[in-house]
Amino acid sequence: MENRANANLEERLARLEKQGRWWRAAALLLAVALGVFLTAAFAGQNEFDRGFILPHPPEGVRARAFVLTDQSGKVHGEWTVEGGQPVLKFYGPNGKVLWLAPPRTALKPAEAK
């Protein structure tokens, strides 16, 4: 009778160990799946448009003026639009215009060339 009880006890213990391994594997699989879903949910959050259509970014760089400065912040050149025409200016050490494109067409004396 005792052998039968020991065999029954060993059979029940083996079944419980098998169920324990199954539940442990199921919990691990559930934890991995939850981690993957949470990562996927929060990964591209910055690009999500929240229901609105985001405009396409413009090609290239757009600005009304470009200013060329040195490390101290002193302006050495600028590229702007004046009178509907693009103008490129380079400044000298004293702050006066050294070079201008397109050159200004002002009245000049006849003997100056």
Protein backbone atom coordinates (compact mmCIF):
# COMPACT_ATOMS: atom_id res chain seq x y z
CA MET A 1 0.00 0.00 0.00
CA GLU A 2 2.85 2.33 0.80
CA ASN A 3 4.43 1.72 -2.64
CA ARG A 4 1.15 2.66 -4.29
CA ALA A 5 0.98 5.87 -2.21
CA ASN A 6 4.60 6.73 -3.10
CA ALA A 7 3.94 6.10 -6.80
CA ASN A 8 0.78 8.24 -6.66
CA LEU A 9 2.69 10.98 -4.83
CA GLU A 10 5.55 10.90 -7.38
CA GLU A 11 3.05 11.03 -10.25
CA ARG A 12 1.29 14.08 -8.75
CA LEU A 13 4.64 15.75 -8.03
CA ALA A 14 5.81 15.19 -11.64
CA ARG A 15 2.53 16.64 -12.95
CA LEU A 16 2.89 19.74 -10.70
CA GLU A 17 6.50 20.27 -11.82
CA LYS A 18 5.42 20.02 -15.46
CA GLN A 19 2.63 22.57 -14.88
CA GLY A 20 5.08 24.85 -13.05
CA ARG A 21 7.51 24.76 -16.01
CA TRP A 22 4.62 25.44 -18.41
CA TRP A 23 3.39 28.46 -16.39
CA ARG A 24 6.96 29.79 -16.04
CA ALA A 25 7.47 29.56 -19.83
CA ALA A 26 4.08 31.19 -20.48
CA ALA A 27 4.89 34.07 -18.08
CA LEU A 28 8.28 34.61 -19.74
CA LEU A 29 6.71 34.63 -23.20
CA LEU A 30 4.05 37.09 -22.03
CA ALA A 31 6.70 39.40 -20.52
CA VAL A 32 8.73 39.38 -23.75
CA ALA A 33 5.62 40.09 -25.84
CA LEU A 34 4.62 42.94 -23.53
CA GLY A 35 8.12 44.42 -23.78
CA VAL A 36 8.03 44.26 -27.58
CA PHE A 37 4.59 45.89 -27.75
CA LEU A 38 5.55 48.69 -25.35
CA THR A 39 8.76 49.36 -27.27
CA ALA A 40 6.85 49.50 -30.55
CA ALA A 41 4.20 51.77 -29.03
CA PHE A 42 6.65 54.40 -27.76
CA ALA A 43 9.45 54.11 -30.36
CA GLY A 44 8.17 56.50 -33.07
CA GLN A 45 6.24 58.86 -30.85
CA ASN A 46 7.96 62.02 -32.16
CA GLU A 47 6.99 61.35 -35.79
CA PHE A 48 3.37 60.55 -35.01
CA ASP A 49 1.08 63.23 -36.45
CA ARG A 50 -1.76 62.75 -33.91
CA GLY A 51 -4.38 62.68 -36.67
CA PHE A 52 -3.15 65.69 -38.63
CA ILE A 53 -1.26 65.53 -41.89
CA LEU A 54 2.19 66.96 -41.36
CA PRO A 55 3.55 69.11 -44.20
CA HIS A 56 6.61 67.86 -46.03
CA PRO A 57 9.76 69.70 -45.01
CA PRO A 58 10.98 72.09 -47.71
CA GLU A 59 13.92 71.07 -49.84
CA GLY A 60 17.10 72.95 -48.97
CA VAL A 61 17.62 75.85 -46.58
CA ARG A 62 15.47 78.96 -46.63
CA ALA A 63 16.43 82.28 -45.08
CA ARG A 64 15.97 85.98 -45.66
CA ALA A 65 19.65 86.67 -44.95
CA PHE A 66 22.89 84.82 -44.33
CA VAL A 67 25.46 86.54 -42.12
CA LEU A 68 29.15 85.55 -42.02
CA THR A 69 30.69 86.13 -38.60
CA ASP A 70 33.93 85.20 -36.88
CA GLN A 71 34.27 83.52 -33.48
CA SER A 72 33.86 86.80 -31.63
CA GLY A 73 30.64 87.64 -33.47
CA LYS A 74 32.05 90.37 -35.73
CA VAL A 75 30.27 90.44 -39.11
CA HIS A 76 32.57 89.87 -42.13
CA GLY A 77 29.96 89.36 -44.81
CA GLU A 78 26.29 89.03 -45.60
CA TRP A 79 24.05 87.69 -48.35
CA THR A 80 20.67 89.42 -48.48
CA VAL A 81 17.97 90.61 -50.84
CA GLU A 82 17.81 94.35 -51.44
CA GLY A 83 15.24 95.82 -53.80
CA GLY A 84 14.23 92.38 -55.04
CA GLN A 85 17.80 91.56 -56.04
CA PRO A 86 20.30 89.30 -54.22
CA VAL A 87 23.28 91.17 -52.82
CA LEU A 88 26.55 89.72 -51.50
CA LYS A 89 28.75 91.98 -49.35
CA PHE A 90 32.15 91.38 -47.74
CA TYR A 91 33.37 93.76 -45.03
CA GLY A 92 36.92 94.79 -44.19
CA PRO A 93 38.51 95.09 -40.75
CA ASN A 94 37.21 98.67 -40.39
CA GLY A 95 33.62 97.59 -41.12
CA LYS A 96 33.37 99.16 -44.57
CA VAL A 97 32.29 97.18 -47.64
CA LEU A 98 35.33 95.70 -49.41
CA TRP A 99 33.50 93.84 -52.15
CA LEU A 100 29.90 93.99 -53.35
CA ALA A 101 28.08 91.83 -55.87
CA PRO A 102 26.37 93.01 -57.98
CA PRO A 103 28.39 96.22 -57.98
CA ARG A 104 26.44 99.41 -57.42
CA THR A 105 26.11 101.44 -60.56
CA ALA A 106 26.41 105.03 -59.53
CA LEU A 107 27.27 108.05 -61.60
CA LYS A 108 31.02 108.28 -62.05
CA PRO A 109 33.13 111.13 -63.36
CA ALA A 110 34.01 110.82 -67.03
CA GLU A 111 37.73 110.50 -66.42
CA ALA A 112 37.30 107.64 -63.89
CA LYS A 113 37.33 104.22 -65.47
